[in-house]
Amino acid sequence: MFSQNHIVSVRQMKRLLVLDLFAGTGLILPMVAGRLSGLSGVFAIAAGGAAAGVFALFLLNTVKDCPDGYPGFCQEILGRWPGHILMGIYALRYFATGAILLAVFAQIVNHTFLTDIPRAVLGTAMLALCIYCVFKGLETRARLGEMLMYFVIIPIVLIILLAIPQIHPDRLWPIEFLGSSQSGKYTQGPGGLPGFLWTCAITFALFSVVEWLLFLRPSVKKMEKACKGAVTGILWPVLLNILILTVCIGIFSVEGMNNEQWPTVVLMQIVRFPGGFLSRQDGLMLAFWMLGMFMLISGNIHYGMESFRSLNKKLCKPWFVVFPAVLILAIFFSIYLTDATRVFIRYMLFVYMPLALIPPVLLRIVQILRPGRRAGQNSGHRPGRCKKRVMVLALLLGTAFLGGCTQRTEIEDRNFVMCMGIDAREDHLSVSYGFPDLRALTGDGDNIHYPAVTIS
């Protein structure tokens, strides 16, 4: 149906970006931003999106002189085998991302629309469609994205426009950045500055899928226009997420929005098209969102296969996609009954984003520190220096997985047993613990005593 010349125009690249980013954020990001930071989430989404735009420009600048694309760039900097190992990690990560997205898709569709169809059936059917798309090649995906973009974006814009008359302006004005209405009292998350920073980080993590621009370099010929196309492709999803969050808060309020599991879907349900010619427009909107998820999942499988094929030319046969499909299905069946949305957010924040950000940055630093060497130039490697670079890179990559302070409990939030007593009863033992009166110790109380807690 489509030619297989593996060439993608800047317009197709931009539309693929819009579809992939909005499909992965449209139902999730406004919900998370509202729960963590309230109306301040508008500014957090803008900040995270701006960071993603800078990241995309960095990625394009990194591979602009690499005709062989990112796999060739990695091998040129690291050497053959370290480059293969890094590409193997990329491939596994893309396949895992596709499996988690399948679980998110099955969870949302089963909960909001097709409640009678099991999640396993929904995920398996979507995977089959995505495998077929990957089998047909990159240009098929680009052409489909070019056609489907308007079917996904235009209905969402219409929903937002029709919802504007139902907005309560007093819920949006005056706009307070990190004000009292954005404190933890009104949000389900921390609120305030911590909630704002977490929302920024999650926004950037969800938008870090722009990393596939690294792999698109050999297929995009007009790189001088690619930077503008990438920025535009990121700007649209950012604006749509900001509008959805603003409209949801204006209609439901922060507290009302946080009481809904999927506020974007509820927004689609309450808005009515003029004339009543659609009774279930939420189903129609979800159908369009499913098309976007189809493009996003198939994209992860495609770039996973690109990483996989860079290991050996013998793996370039199209039917080899069957083996990653089995792996994806196994991961999907291991998580599809869990809260896949929560798994997806944590995975993007603590696994996908670090691996998207750290390797290109470190490789770029190594490239800059190598005098007289540019990507794409053929010259012999010095084994000693190559091994040292690989070891340093491996150590720096390992720091991304070291434990931090995300699960810490502050000292003022802890309590300590000061005394303990054990009493023998007729048929059991009674253990009493004494804790210090922290109010008295800090001078806020009248006297120091040790309130007892008894456990029988």
Protein backbone atom coordinates (compact mmCIF):
# COMPACT_ATOMS: atom_id res chain seq x y z
CA MET A 1 0.00 0.00 0.00
CA PHE A 2 2.88 2.38 0.86
CA SER A 3 6.39 2.53 -0.56
CA GLN A 4 9.21 1.16 1.55
CA ASN A 5 11.96 3.73 0.92
CA HIS A 6 12.39 4.39 4.68
CA ILE A 7 12.22 8.14 4.13
CA VAL A 8 10.20 10.33 6.49
CA SER A 9 9.41 13.97 5.84
CA VAL A 10 9.67 16.63 8.53
CA ARG A 11 5.88 17.01 8.41
CA GLN A 12 5.41 13.31 9.08
CA MET A 13 7.96 13.45 11.88
CA LYS A 14 6.09 16.34 13.50
CA ARG A 15 2.74 14.57 13.31
CA LEU A 16 4.16 11.37 14.71
CA LEU A 17 5.51 13.41 17.63
CA VAL A 18 2.10 14.99 18.25
CA LEU A 19 0.33 11.62 18.18
CA ASP A 20 2.85 9.79 20.34
CA LEU A 21 3.11 12.52 22.96
CA PHE A 22 -0.59 13.24 23.26
CA ALA A 23 -1.59 9.56 23.32
CA GLY A 24 0.81 8.95 26.21
CA THR A 25 -0.21 12.04 28.19
CA GLY A 26 -3.73 13.17 27.27
CA LEU A 27 -5.62 11.01 29.80
CA ILE A 28 -2.86 10.70 32.39
CA LEU A 29 -0.95 13.98 32.71
CA PRO A 30 -3.91 16.33 33.52
CA MET A 31 -5.05 13.86 36.21
CA VAL A 32 -1.57 13.64 37.76
CA ALA A 33 -0.98 17.40 37.56
CA GLY A 34 -4.30 18.15 39.23
CA ARG A 35 -3.66 15.71 42.06
CA LEU A 36 -0.09 16.79 42.75
CA SER A 37 -0.20 20.55 42.29
CA GLY A 38 -3.72 21.76 41.48
CA LEU A 39 -3.89 24.79 39.22
CA SER A 40 -0.12 25.23 39.52
CA GLY A 41 0.02 22.12 37.35
CA VAL A 42 -0.53 24.42 34.37
CA PHE A 43 2.85 26.03 34.97
CA ALA A 44 4.44 22.66 35.77
CA ILE A 45 3.27 21.15 32.46
CA ALA A 46 4.62 24.20 30.62
CA ALA A 47 7.98 23.91 32.40
CA GLY A 48 8.25 20.16 31.78
CA GLY A 49 7.28 20.62 28.14
CA ALA A 50 9.88 23.36 27.70
CA ALA A 51 12.53 21.04 29.14
CA ALA A 52 11.41 18.33 26.70
CA GLY A 53 11.78 20.82 23.82
CA VAL A 54 15.34 21.63 24.85
CA PHE A 55 16.05 17.91 25.15
CA ALA A 56 14.72 17.28 21.63
CA LEU A 57 16.94 19.99 20.19
CA PHE A 58 19.92 18.48 22.00
CA LEU A 59 19.13 15.04 20.56
CA LEU A 60 18.86 16.33 17.01
CA ASN A 61 22.08 18.29 17.38
CA THR A 62 23.83 15.17 18.72
CA VAL A 63 23.13 13.03 15.66
CA LYS A 64 23.03 15.69 12.96
CA ASP A 65 26.49 14.66 11.68
CA CYS A 66 25.82 10.91 11.98
CA PRO A 67 24.57 9.47 8.68
CA ASP A 68 24.34 6.01 10.28
CA GLY A 69 22.07 7.26 13.06
CA TYR A 70 22.31 6.71 16.78
CA PRO A 71 23.50 3.06 16.67
CA GLY A 72 26.44 4.07 14.49
CA PHE A 73 27.14 7.03 16.76
CA CYS A 74 27.30 4.74 19.81
CA GLN A 75 29.68 2.34 18.10
CA GLU A 76 31.86 5.20 16.87
CA ILE A 77 32.21 6.61 20.41
CA LEU A 78 32.28 3.41 22.48
CA GLY A 79 33.48 0.75 20.10
CA ARG A 80 31.66 -2.21 18.61
CA TRP A 81 30.79 -4.41 21.58
CA PRO A 82 29.99 -1.67 24.11
CA GLY A 83 27.83 -0.06 21.45
CA HIS A 84 26.03 -3.37 20.91
CA ILE A 85 25.43 -3.74 24.65
CA LEU A 86 23.93 -0.25 24.85
CA MET A 87 21.68 -0.95 21.86
CA GLY A 88 20.55 -4.19 23.50
CA ILE A 89 19.55 -2.23 26.60
CA TYR A 90 17.63 0.22 24.43
CA ALA A 91 15.82 -2.64 22.67
CA LEU A 92 14.74 -4.30 25.93
CA ARG A 93 13.59 -0.97 27.33
CA TYR A 94 11.48 -0.18 24.25
CA PHE A 95 9.85 -3.61 24.37
CA ALA A 96 9.12 -3.21 28.10
CA THR A 97 7.62 0.22 27.42
CA GLY A 98 5.36 -1.25 24.75
CA ALA A 99 4.16 -3.93 27.18
CA ILE A 100 3.39 -1.39 29.93
CA LEU A 101 1.55 0.83 27.46
CA LEU A 102 -0.51 -2.19 26.41
CA ALA A 103 -1.49 -2.68 30.06
CA VAL A 104 -2.41 1.02 30.40
CA PHE A 105 -4.49 0.81 27.25
CA ALA A 106 -6.32 -2.30 28.45
CA GLN A 107 -6.95 -0.80 31.90
CA ILE A 108 -8.42 2.49 30.66
CA VAL A 109 -10.55 0.98 27.91
CA ASN A 110 -11.86 -1.79 30.17
CA HIS A 111 -12.68 0.66 32.97
CA THR A 112 -14.34 3.38 30.89
CA PHE A 113 -15.67 1.97 27.64
CA LEU A 114 -15.53 -1.77 26.90
CA THR A 115 -16.25 -3.05 30.39
CA ASP A 116 -17.39 -6.50 29.24
CA ILE A 117 -14.20 -7.35 27.36
CA PRO A 118 -11.33 -8.73 29.50
CA ARG A 119 -8.12 -6.75 29.63
CA ALA A 120 -6.16 -9.73 28.30
CA VAL A 121 -8.23 -9.75 25.11
CA LEU A 122 -7.93 -5.98 24.64
CA GLY A 123 -4.16 -6.01 25.08
CA THR A 124 -3.60 -9.03 22.85
CA ALA A 125 -5.72 -7.58 20.05
CA MET A 126 -3.89 -4.25 20.18
CA LEU A 127 -0.52 -6.03 20.15
CA ALA A 128 -1.49 -7.96 17.03
CA LEU A 129 -2.38 -4.73 15.22
CA CYS A 130 0.85 -3.07 16.33
CA ILE A 131 2.96 -6.02 15.19
CA TYR A 132 1.33 -5.85 11.77
CA CYS A 133 2.13 -2.12 11.54
CA VAL A 134 5.78 -2.72 12.52
CA PHE A 135 5.97 -5.56 9.98
CA LYS A 136 4.93 -3.16 7.20
CA GLY A 137 7.80 -0.75 7.98
CA LEU A 138 8.53 2.82 9.05
CA GLU A 139 6.89 4.56 6.12
CA THR A 140 3.59 2.81 6.76
CA ARG A 141 3.67 4.10 10.34
CA ALA A 142 4.54 7.61 9.13
CA ARG A 143 1.72 7.68 6.58
CA LEU A 144 -0.78 6.35 9.13
CA GLY A 145 0.31 9.00 11.59
CA GLU A 146 -0.12 11.66 8.94
CA MET A 147 -3.68 10.54 8.29
CA LEU A 148 -4.72 9.84 11.89
CA MET A 149 -3.46 13.05 13.48
CA TYR A 150 -6.52 15.11 12.61
CA PHE A 151 -8.88 12.30 13.67
CA VAL A 152 -7.30 12.42 17.13
CA ILE A 153 -6.56 16.12 17.68
CA ILE A 154 -9.56 17.89 16.10
CA PRO A 155 -12.24 16.08 18.22
CA ILE A 156 -10.27 16.87 21.39
CA VAL A 157 -10.12 20.55 20.43
CA LEU A 158 -13.90 20.52 19.75
CA ILE A 159 -14.54 18.97 23.18
CA ILE A 160 -12.48 21.71 24.85
CA LEU A 161 -14.28 24.47 22.94
CA LEU A 162 -17.74 23.07 23.77
CA ALA A 163 -16.77 22.76 27.43
CA ILE A 164 -15.78 26.42 27.81
CA PRO A 165 -19.36 27.69 28.56
CA GLN A 166 -19.53 25.33 31.58
CA ILE A 167 -16.38 26.72 33.20
CA HIS A 168 -16.74 28.59 36.50
CA PRO A 169 -14.30 31.53 36.25
CA ASP A 170 -14.02 31.86 40.05
CA ARG A 171 -12.31 28.43 40.12
CA LEU A 172 -9.58 29.69 37.83
CA TRP A 173 -9.20 33.33 38.82
CA PRO A 174 -7.19 34.83 40.35
CA ILE A 175 -4.35 32.65 39.13
CA GLU A 176 -2.10 31.79 42.06
CA PHE A 177 1.25 30.16 41.47
CA LEU A 178 1.91 27.86 44.44
CA GLY A 179 -0.88 29.66 46.33
CA SER A 180 -2.97 28.34 49.22
CA SER A 181 -5.45 26.69 46.83
CA GLN A 182 -2.60 24.53 45.54
CA SER A 183 -1.54 23.31 48.97
CA GLY A 184 -1.76 19.70 50.08
CA LYS A 185 -5.09 20.49 51.78
CA TYR A 186 -6.82 20.70 48.41
CA THR A 187 -4.78 18.19 46.42
CA GLN A 188 -4.27 14.47 46.87
CA GLY A 189 -0.52 14.93 46.50
CA PRO A 190 1.97 17.10 48.37
CA GLY A 191 0.89 20.35 46.75
CA GLY A 192 2.96 23.53 46.97
CA LEU A 193 6.52 23.55 45.69
CA PRO A 194 7.10 19.76 46.10
CA GLY A 195 3.96 19.00 44.09
CA PHE A 196 5.00 21.49 41.42
CA LEU A 197 8.46 19.94 41.09
CA TRP A 198 7.07 16.40 40.97
CA THR A 199 4.64 17.45 38.23
CA CYS A 200 7.50 19.02 36.25
CA ALA A 201 9.52 15.81 36.56
CA ILE A 202 6.61 13.57 35.54
CA THR A 203 5.80 15.83 32.59
CA PHE A 204 9.37 15.65 31.36
CA ALA A 205 9.43 11.89 31.93
CA LEU A 206 6.26 11.35 29.86
CA PHE A 207 7.60 13.63 27.13
CA SER A 208 11.00 11.92 27.09
CA VAL A 209 9.67 9.60 24.37
CA VAL A 210 11.04 12.28 22.02
CA GLU A 211 14.20 10.22 22.38
CA TRP A 212 13.20 8.29 19.27
CA LEU A 213 14.38 11.33 17.28
CA LEU A 214 17.84 9.78 17.71
CA PHE A 215 16.80 6.74 15.68
CA LEU A 216 14.94 8.75 13.05
CA ARG A 217 18.04 10.62 11.86
CA PRO A 218 18.89 8.39 8.82
CA SER A 219 15.27 8.61 7.63
CA VAL A 220 14.89 12.42 7.82
CA LYS A 221 16.87 14.15 5.11
CA LYS A 222 16.07 17.82 5.78
CA MET A 223 17.65 18.08 9.21
CA GLU A 224 17.79 21.87 9.00
CA LYS A 225 13.99 21.91 9.29
CA ALA A 226 13.75 19.04 11.78
CA CYS A 227 14.46 21.25 14.82
CA LYS A 228 11.50 23.52 14.10
CA GLY A 229 9.29 20.50 13.41
CA ALA A 230 10.32 18.85 16.69
CA VAL A 231 9.54 21.98 18.73
CA THR A 232 6.14 22.32 17.04
CA GLY A 233 5.43 18.62 17.60
CA ILE A 234 6.06 19.06 21.33
CA LEU A 235 4.21 22.39 21.62
CA TRP A 236 0.85 20.99 20.51
CA PRO A 237 0.59 18.23 23.15
CA VAL A 238 1.79 20.65 25.85
CA LEU A 239 -0.92 23.17 24.96
CA LEU A 240 -3.61 20.48 24.76
CA ASN A 241 -2.69 19.10 28.19
CA ILE A 242 -2.72 22.60 29.68
CA LEU A 243 -6.15 23.29 28.16
CA ILE A 244 -7.56 19.98 29.40
CA LEU A 245 -6.27 20.60 32.93
CA THR A 246 -7.61 24.18 32.94
CA VAL A 247 -11.04 23.15 31.67
CA CYS A 248 -11.31 20.25 34.14
CA ILE A 249 -10.44 22.50 37.09
CA GLY A 250 -12.79 25.21 35.83
CA ILE A 251 -15.68 22.74 35.64
CA PHE A 252 -15.02 20.31 38.50
CA SER A 253 -12.71 22.38 40.79
CA VAL A 254 -9.43 20.92 42.05
CA GLU A 255 -11.12 18.80 44.71
CA GLY A 256 -13.87 17.59 42.38
CA MET A 257 -11.36 16.73 39.67
CA ASN A 258 -9.25 14.75 42.11
CA ASN A 259 -12.30 12.69 43.10
CA GLU A 260 -12.57 11.38 39.52
CA GLN A 261 -10.34 8.55 38.40
CA TRP A 262 -10.27 9.70 34.78
CA PRO A 263 -11.31 13.40 34.70
CA THR A 264 -10.57 13.75 30.98
CA VAL A 265 -13.01 10.93 30.20
CA VAL A 266 -15.65 12.49 32.51
CA LEU A 267 -15.16 15.78 30.67
CA MET A 268 -15.92 13.99 27.41
CA GLN A 269 -19.07 12.51 28.95
CA ILE A 270 -20.60 15.75 30.21
CA VAL A 271 -20.01 17.80 27.06
CA ARG A 272 -22.79 17.53 24.49
CA PHE A 273 -22.52 18.27 20.81
CA PRO A 274 -25.15 20.68 19.43
CA GLY A 275 -28.24 18.91 18.13
CA GLY A 276 -27.60 15.79 20.19
CA PHE A 277 -26.40 13.81 17.16
CA LEU A 278 -23.93 11.93 19.39
CA SER A 279 -25.15 10.26 22.57
CA ARG A 280 -21.80 8.64 23.51
CA GLN A 281 -19.20 11.10 22.30
CA ASP A 282 -16.93 9.87 25.09
CA GLY A 283 -16.80 6.54 23.26
CA LEU A 284 -15.94 8.32 20.05
CA MET A 285 -13.18 10.30 21.75
CA LEU A 286 -11.80 7.14 23.35
CA ALA A 287 -11.80 5.47 19.96
CA PHE A 288 -9.66 8.30 18.60
CA TRP A 289 -7.39 8.04 21.66
CA MET A 290 -7.03 4.32 20.96
CA LEU A 291 -5.72 5.20 17.51
CA GLY A 292 -3.10 7.39 19.16
CA MET A 293 -2.15 4.57 21.54
CA PHE A 294 -1.87 2.24 18.56
CA MET A 295 0.71 4.60 17.03
CA LEU A 296 2.60 5.00 20.31
CA ILE A 297 2.82 1.28 21.10
CA SER A 298 3.77 0.36 17.54
CA GLY A 299 6.40 3.11 17.66
CA ASN A 300 8.05 1.62 20.74
CA ILE A 301 8.09 -1.81 19.11
CA HIS A 302 9.51 -0.34 15.90
CA TYR A 303 12.38 1.48 17.59
CA GLY A 304 13.02 -1.54 19.76
CA MET A 305 13.42 -3.53 16.56
CA GLU A 306 15.70 -0.84 15.12
CA SER A 307 17.94 -1.18 18.19
CA PHE A 308 17.72 -4.97 17.94
CA ARG A 309 18.62 -5.04 14.25
CA SER A 310 21.67 -2.84 14.79
CA LEU A 311 23.25 -5.78 16.64
CA ASN A 312 23.41 -7.99 13.58
CA LYS A 313 22.32 -7.56 9.95
CA LYS A 314 20.85 -11.08 10.00
CA LEU A 315 18.14 -9.76 12.34
CA CYS A 316 16.79 -7.39 9.68
CA LYS A 317 14.21 -9.85 8.41
CA PRO A 318 10.67 -8.54 9.07
CA TRP A 319 9.36 -11.77 10.59
CA PHE A 320 11.89 -11.46 13.47
CA VAL A 321 9.36 -9.12 15.10
CA VAL A 322 7.59 -12.28 16.33
CA PHE A 323 10.24 -12.86 19.02
CA PRO A 324 9.89 -9.41 20.66
CA ALA A 325 6.12 -9.87 20.44
CA VAL A 326 6.37 -12.96 22.66
CA LEU A 327 8.48 -11.01 25.18
CA ILE A 328 6.03 -8.09 25.17
CA LEU A 329 3.09 -10.42 25.67
CA ALA A 330 4.83 -12.11 28.62
CA ILE A 331 5.49 -8.76 30.31
CA PHE A 332 1.93 -7.64 29.61
CA PHE A 333 0.37 -10.71 31.21
CA SER A 334 2.53 -10.22 34.29
CA ILE A 335 1.17 -6.71 34.99
CA TYR A 336 -2.17 -6.30 33.19
CA LEU A 337 -4.26 -6.89 36.33
CA THR A 338 -2.36 -4.29 38.37
CA ASP A 339 -2.82 -0.51 38.41
CA ALA A 340 -0.98 -0.16 35.11
CA THR A 341 -1.21 3.64 35.08
CA ARG A 342 0.69 3.92 38.35
CA VAL A 343 3.26 1.39 37.08
CA PHE A 344 3.62 3.38 33.87
CA ILE A 345 4.24 6.71 35.64
CA ARG A 346 6.86 5.22 37.96
CA TYR A 347 8.50 3.35 35.10
CA MET A 348 8.74 6.50 32.97
CA LEU A 349 10.06 8.54 35.89
CA PHE A 350 12.66 6.13 37.30
CA VAL A 351 13.61 3.89 34.33
CA TYR A 352 12.70 5.32 30.93
CA MET A 353 13.68 8.96 31.52
CA PRO A 354 17.12 8.24 33.08
CA LEU A 355 18.01 5.88 30.24
CA ALA A 356 16.72 8.42 27.71
CA LEU A 357 18.70 11.30 29.21
CA ILE A 358 21.98 9.95 30.57
CA PRO A 359 23.50 7.94 27.64
CA PRO A 360 23.15 10.68 24.97
CA VAL A 361 24.50 13.32 27.36
CA LEU A 362 27.50 11.21 28.36
CA LEU A 363 28.21 10.18 24.78
CA ARG A 364 28.06 13.80 23.71
CA ILE A 365 30.49 14.78 26.48
CA VAL A 366 32.89 12.00 25.41
CA GLN A 367 32.64 13.16 21.81
CA ILE A 368 33.42 16.76 22.76
CA LEU A 369 36.39 15.73 24.89
CA ARG A 370 37.96 13.79 22.03
CA PRO A 371 40.03 16.33 20.06
CA GLY A 372 40.08 15.96 16.31
CA ARG A 373 37.29 13.37 16.27
CA ARG A 374 33.77 13.94 14.97
CA ALA A 375 30.94 11.48 14.51
CA GLY A 376 31.04 9.90 11.09
CA GLN A 377 34.84 10.10 10.67
CA ASN A 378 36.62 6.81 10.21
CA SER A 379 39.75 6.41 12.30
CA GLY A 380 41.21 3.67 14.40
CA HIS A 381 40.25 3.25 18.04
CA ARG A 382 42.87 3.17 20.74
CA PRO A 383 41.90 0.13 22.84
CA GLY A 384 43.22 1.48 26.15
CA ARG A 385 41.33 4.76 25.94
CA CYS A 386 38.21 3.02 24.67
CA LYS A 387 38.16 0.69 27.68
CA LYS A 388 38.59 3.61 30.07
CA ARG A 389 35.74 5.51 28.42
CA VAL A 390 33.50 2.46 28.59
CA MET A 391 34.28 1.91 32.27
CA VAL A 392 33.58 5.56 33.13
CA LEU A 393 30.36 5.50 31.13
CA ALA A 394 29.23 2.29 32.82
CA LEU A 395 29.94 3.71 36.28
CA LEU A 396 28.06 6.92 35.51
CA LEU A 397 25.12 4.97 34.11
CA GLY A 398 25.05 2.85 37.25
CA THR A 399 24.53 5.94 39.41
CA ALA A 400 21.07 6.32 37.90
CA PHE A 401 19.97 3.14 39.66
CA LEU A 402 21.46 3.85 43.08
CA GLY A 403 19.02 4.26 45.92
CA GLY A 404 18.21 7.83 46.88
CA CYS A 405 16.03 9.54 49.45
CA THR A 406 12.67 9.17 47.73
CA GLN A 407 11.34 6.82 50.45
CA ARG A 408 12.82 8.69 53.43
CA THR A 409 10.93 9.57 56.60
CA GLU A 410 11.98 12.81 58.25
CA ILE A 411 13.22 12.62 61.83
CA GLU A 412 10.40 14.84 63.09
CA ASP A 413 7.89 12.40 61.62
CA ARG A 414 9.30 9.46 63.60
CA ASN A 415 8.60 8.37 67.14
CA PHE A 416 10.84 6.42 69.48
CA VAL A 417 10.04 3.96 72.25
CA MET A 418 11.37 5.27 75.57
CA CYS A 419 10.21 2.45 77.82
CA MET A 420 8.43 -0.89 77.57
CA GLY A 421 6.56 -3.09 80.02
CA ILE A 422 5.12 -6.61 79.76
CA ASP A 423 2.17 -7.79 81.87
CA ALA A 424 1.02 -11.40 82.12
CA ARG A 425 -2.71 -11.87 81.67
CA GLU A 426 -4.79 -15.00 81.99
CA ASP A 427 -4.42 -16.14 78.39
CA HIS A 428 -2.06 -13.65 76.78
CA LEU A 429 0.67 -11.10 77.31
CA SER A 430 0.07 -7.34 77.30
CA VAL A 431 2.95 -5.19 76.00
CA SER A 432 2.95 -1.46 76.76
CA TYR A 433 5.18 1.07 75.01
CA GLY A 434 5.95 4.57 76.25
CA PHE A 435 6.62 7.37 73.75
CA PRO A 436 7.96 10.86 74.51
CA ASP A 437 5.64 13.85 74.42
CA LEU A 438 7.29 15.78 71.58
CA ARG A 439 5.21 18.90 72.24
CA ALA A 440 6.55 19.11 75.77
CA LEU A 441 10.11 18.40 74.68
CA THR A 442 10.00 21.29 72.20
CA GLY A 443 8.54 23.69 74.75
CA ASP A 444 4.98 23.69 73.44
CA GLY A 445 3.59 21.55 76.29
CA ASP A 446 3.27 21.96 80.04
CA ASN A 447 5.31 19.02 81.27
CA ILE A 448 7.12 15.98 79.95
CA HIS A 449 5.34 12.68 80.18
CA TYR A 450 5.32 9.42 78.32
CA PRO A 451 1.94 8.47 76.84
CA ALA A 452 1.51 4.70 76.82
CA VAL A 453 0.33 2.51 73.96
CA THR A 454 -0.77 -1.00 74.90
CA ILE A 455 -0.77 -3.94 72.50
CA SER A 456 -2.34 -7.16 73.66
